[in-house]
N, C-alpha and C. Protein backbone atom coordinates (compact mmCIF):
# COMPACT_ATOMS: atom_id res chain seq x y z
N MET A 1 13.55 27.95 15.85
CA MET A 1 14.80 27.34 15.57
C MET A 1 15.04 27.80 13.89
N ALA A 2 16.43 28.74 14.53
CA ALA A 2 17.17 29.55 13.68
C ALA A 2 17.56 28.53 11.82
N ILE A 3 17.53 28.41 10.97
CA ILE A 3 18.23 28.52 10.26
C ILE A 3 18.79 28.98 9.99
N THR A 4 20.50 29.01 10.04
CA THR A 4 21.80 29.64 9.74
C THR A 4 22.82 29.81 8.15
N THR A 5 21.92 28.75 7.47
CA THR A 5 22.47 28.54 6.04
C THR A 5 21.36 28.11 5.13
N THR A 6 21.77 28.43 3.64
CA THR A 6 20.74 27.29 2.59
C THR A 6 21.23 26.51 2.37
N LYS A 7 21.94 26.14 2.83
CA LYS A 7 22.42 24.39 3.27
C LYS A 7 21.61 23.84 3.89
N SER A 8 21.54 24.05 4.52
CA SER A 8 20.59 23.41 6.18
C SER A 8 19.38 23.39 5.80
N ALA A 9 19.05 24.59 5.34
CA ALA A 9 17.17 24.39 5.42
C ALA A 9 17.18 23.86 4.66
N TYR A 10 18.19 23.38 2.77
CA TYR A 10 18.02 22.39 2.04
C TYR A 10 17.63 21.65 3.04
N ARG A 11 18.72 20.86 3.93
CA ARG A 11 19.29 19.90 4.29
C ARG A 11 17.61 19.29 4.61
N LYS A 12 17.43 20.16 5.43
CA LYS A 12 15.65 19.98 6.30
C LYS A 12 14.75 20.04 6.10
N GLY A 13 15.16 20.16 4.29
CA GLY A 13 13.99 19.84 3.78
C GLY A 13 13.21 18.76 3.05
N ILE A 14 14.58 18.54 2.63
CA ILE A 14 14.36 17.07 2.51
C ILE A 14 14.63 15.75 3.60
N VAL A 15 14.90 16.07 4.62
CA VAL A 15 14.44 15.42 5.87
C VAL A 15 13.49 15.54 5.90
N ASP A 16 12.42 16.69 6.00
CA ASP A 16 10.68 16.77 6.47
C ASP A 16 10.39 16.13 5.11
N ALA A 17 10.72 16.13 3.99
CA ALA A 17 10.09 15.39 2.94
C ALA A 17 10.22 14.04 2.83
N LEU A 18 11.41 12.76 3.68
CA LEU A 18 11.54 11.87 3.46
C LEU A 18 10.13 10.79 3.88
N PRO A 19 9.39 11.04 4.22
CA PRO A 19 8.33 10.35 5.03
C PRO A 19 7.31 10.03 3.52
N PHE A 20 7.01 11.53 3.42
CA PHE A 20 6.17 11.59 1.61
C PHE A 20 6.86 10.54 0.42
N VAL A 21 8.23 10.93 0.68
CA VAL A 21 8.91 10.07 -0.32
C VAL A 21 8.73 8.70 -0.20
N LEU A 22 8.89 7.81 0.90
CA LEU A 22 8.96 6.90 1.50
C LEU A 22 7.23 6.18 1.22
N VAL A 23 6.02 6.95 1.18
CA VAL A 23 4.82 6.59 0.93
C VAL A 23 4.56 6.65 -1.11
N ILE A 24 4.93 7.65 -1.66
CA ILE A 24 4.87 7.82 -2.99
C ILE A 24 5.75 6.87 -3.71
N ILE A 25 6.44 6.06 -3.18
CA ILE A 25 7.41 5.18 -4.16
C ILE A 25 6.65 3.78 -4.67
N PRO A 26 6.34 3.33 -3.52
CA PRO A 26 5.09 1.86 -3.91
C PRO A 26 3.90 2.37 -5.29
N PHE A 27 3.53 3.82 -5.16
CA PHE A 27 1.69 3.66 -5.73
C PHE A 27 2.91 4.34 -7.33
N ALA A 28 3.90 5.60 -7.20
CA ALA A 28 4.74 5.79 -8.37
C ALA A 28 4.97 4.14 -9.18
N SER A 29 5.58 2.94 -8.35
CA SER A 29 5.83 1.43 -9.20
C SER A 29 4.60 1.03 -9.23
N LEU A 30 3.99 1.07 -8.83
CA LEU A 30 2.52 0.55 -9.65
C LEU A 30 1.88 1.00 -10.72
N PHE A 31 2.01 2.68 -10.61
CA PHE A 31 1.71 2.70 -12.03
C PHE A 31 2.58 2.83 -13.27
N GLY A 32 3.48 2.94 -12.66
CA GLY A 32 4.30 2.48 -14.01
C GLY A 32 4.47 1.31 -14.32
N LEU A 33 4.42 0.40 -13.32
CA LEU A 33 4.24 -1.12 -14.21
C LEU A 33 3.20 -1.21 -14.52
N LEU A 34 1.87 -0.25 -14.70
CA LEU A 34 0.37 -0.74 -14.99
C LEU A 34 0.52 -0.41 -15.85
N ALA A 35 1.02 1.04 -15.93
CA ALA A 35 1.31 1.69 -17.88
C ALA A 35 2.03 1.42 -18.56
N THR A 36 3.09 0.73 -18.58
CA THR A 36 3.59 0.00 -19.75
C THR A 36 3.14 -1.13 -19.52
N GLU A 37 2.68 -2.16 -19.07
CA GLU A 37 1.18 -3.12 -19.72
C GLU A 37 0.37 -2.73 -20.11
N ALA A 38 -0.19 -1.72 -20.28
CA ALA A 38 -1.83 -0.57 -21.02
C ALA A 38 -1.11 -0.58 -22.31
N GLY A 39 0.50 -0.43 -22.62
CA GLY A 39 0.95 -0.12 -23.61
C GLY A 39 1.69 1.44 -23.83
N LEU A 40 1.67 2.09 -22.91
CA LEU A 40 2.35 3.34 -22.48
C LEU A 40 4.10 2.88 -22.50
N ASN A 41 4.59 4.34 -23.57
CA ASN A 41 6.15 3.83 -23.26
C ASN A 41 6.21 4.88 -22.17
N VAL A 42 8.10 4.69 -22.22
CA VAL A 42 8.32 5.35 -20.80
C VAL A 42 8.26 6.54 -20.97
N PHE A 43 8.70 7.49 -22.26
CA PHE A 43 7.69 8.81 -22.09
C PHE A 43 6.14 9.29 -21.85
N GLU A 44 5.84 8.52 -22.79
CA GLU A 44 4.73 8.59 -22.44
C GLU A 44 3.38 8.96 -20.85
N THR A 45 4.42 7.41 -20.20
CA THR A 45 3.89 7.21 -18.62
C THR A 45 4.76 7.91 -18.03
N LEU A 46 5.85 8.96 -18.65
CA LEU A 46 6.53 9.73 -17.50
C LEU A 46 5.14 11.51 -17.88
N THR A 47 5.41 11.46 -18.98
CA THR A 47 4.30 12.41 -19.32
C THR A 47 2.79 12.69 -18.51
N PHE A 48 2.25 11.78 -18.63
CA PHE A 48 1.16 11.11 -18.25
C PHE A 48 1.18 11.74 -16.35
N SER A 49 1.88 10.89 -15.78
CA SER A 49 2.24 11.20 -14.50
C SER A 49 2.44 12.54 -13.82
N ILE A 50 3.17 13.66 -15.39
CA ILE A 50 3.37 14.69 -14.65
C ILE A 50 2.10 15.44 -14.67
N LEU A 51 0.94 15.22 -15.92
CA LEU A 51 0.14 16.28 -16.07
C LEU A 51 -1.51 15.78 -15.24
N VAL A 52 -1.40 14.09 -14.59
CA VAL A 52 -2.77 13.89 -13.79
C VAL A 52 -1.60 13.67 -12.50
N ILE A 53 -2.14 14.66 -11.48
CA ILE A 53 -1.24 14.62 -9.94
C ILE A 53 -2.15 13.85 -9.62
N SER A 54 -3.56 13.65 -9.52
CA SER A 54 -4.15 12.58 -8.35
C SER A 54 -3.78 11.54 -9.25
N VAL A 55 -3.04 10.75 -8.20
CA VAL A 55 -3.13 9.06 -7.85
C VAL A 55 -4.56 8.61 -8.11
N PRO A 56 -5.62 8.52 -8.01
CA PRO A 56 -6.53 7.73 -8.24
C PRO A 56 -7.40 7.99 -9.50
N ALA A 57 -6.77 9.32 -9.96
CA ALA A 57 -7.18 9.55 -11.25
C ALA A 57 -6.16 8.95 -11.93
N GLN A 58 -5.04 8.89 -11.83
CA GLN A 58 -3.69 8.43 -12.66
C GLN A 58 -4.69 6.60 -13.13
N PHE A 59 -4.78 6.30 -11.88
CA PHE A 59 -5.42 4.94 -12.14
C PHE A 59 -6.70 4.53 -12.69
N THR A 60 -7.34 5.91 -12.73
CA THR A 60 -8.56 5.12 -13.39
C THR A 60 -8.59 5.70 -15.05
N SER A 61 -7.62 7.61 -14.92
CA SER A 61 -7.68 6.80 -16.84
C SER A 61 -6.90 6.41 -17.59
N LEU A 62 -5.73 6.27 -16.68
CA LEU A 62 -4.81 4.86 -17.63
C LEU A 62 -6.20 3.52 -17.55
N ARG A 63 -6.89 3.24 -16.76
CA ARG A 63 -8.50 2.10 -17.49
C ARG A 63 -8.72 2.53 -18.16
N LEU A 64 -9.23 3.91 -18.40
CA LEU A 64 -9.79 4.29 -19.91
C LEU A 64 -9.38 3.95 -20.61
N VAL A 65 -8.18 4.37 -20.77
CA VAL A 65 -6.71 4.97 -21.96
C VAL A 65 -7.23 2.77 -22.48
N GLN A 66 -6.53 2.67 -21.80
CA GLN A 66 -6.27 1.18 -22.06
C GLN A 66 -7.90 0.22 -22.65
N TYR A 67 -8.77 0.22 -22.22
CA TYR A 67 -9.90 0.27 -23.22
C TYR A 67 -10.57 1.00 -24.12
N TYR A 68 -9.76 1.78 -24.35
CA TYR A 68 -10.14 3.09 -25.44
C TYR A 68 -11.35 4.29 -25.60
N GLY A 69 -11.79 4.34 -23.74
CA GLY A 69 -11.87 5.08 -23.57
C GLY A 69 -11.96 6.80 -23.80
N PRO A 70 -12.60 7.67 -23.56
CA PRO A 70 -12.35 8.88 -25.01
C PRO A 70 -12.29 9.67 -23.99
N THR A 71 -10.58 10.67 -24.68
CA THR A 71 -9.82 11.37 -23.98
C THR A 71 -10.19 12.35 -23.82
N ALA A 72 -10.81 12.97 -23.71
CA ALA A 72 -11.94 14.05 -23.48
C ALA A 72 -12.23 14.10 -21.86
N ILE A 73 -13.03 12.95 -21.52
CA ILE A 73 -13.28 13.17 -20.21
C ILE A 73 -12.29 12.92 -18.89
């Protein structure tokens, strides 16, 4: 299948990524809720999500931050 225009390639990429977005939304919402309950503000939560890419690592690190664990881990 040949892609003729940049717009159609962009549209195909969005359609191909939709299943992943549907999986990411619940985890992102849950992390945002838990991060704000742990005392992080919106900027800190977004920065945390950008810097820590792995979802399990985000939840583990958040638990360490919540219970005053060392940040060097």
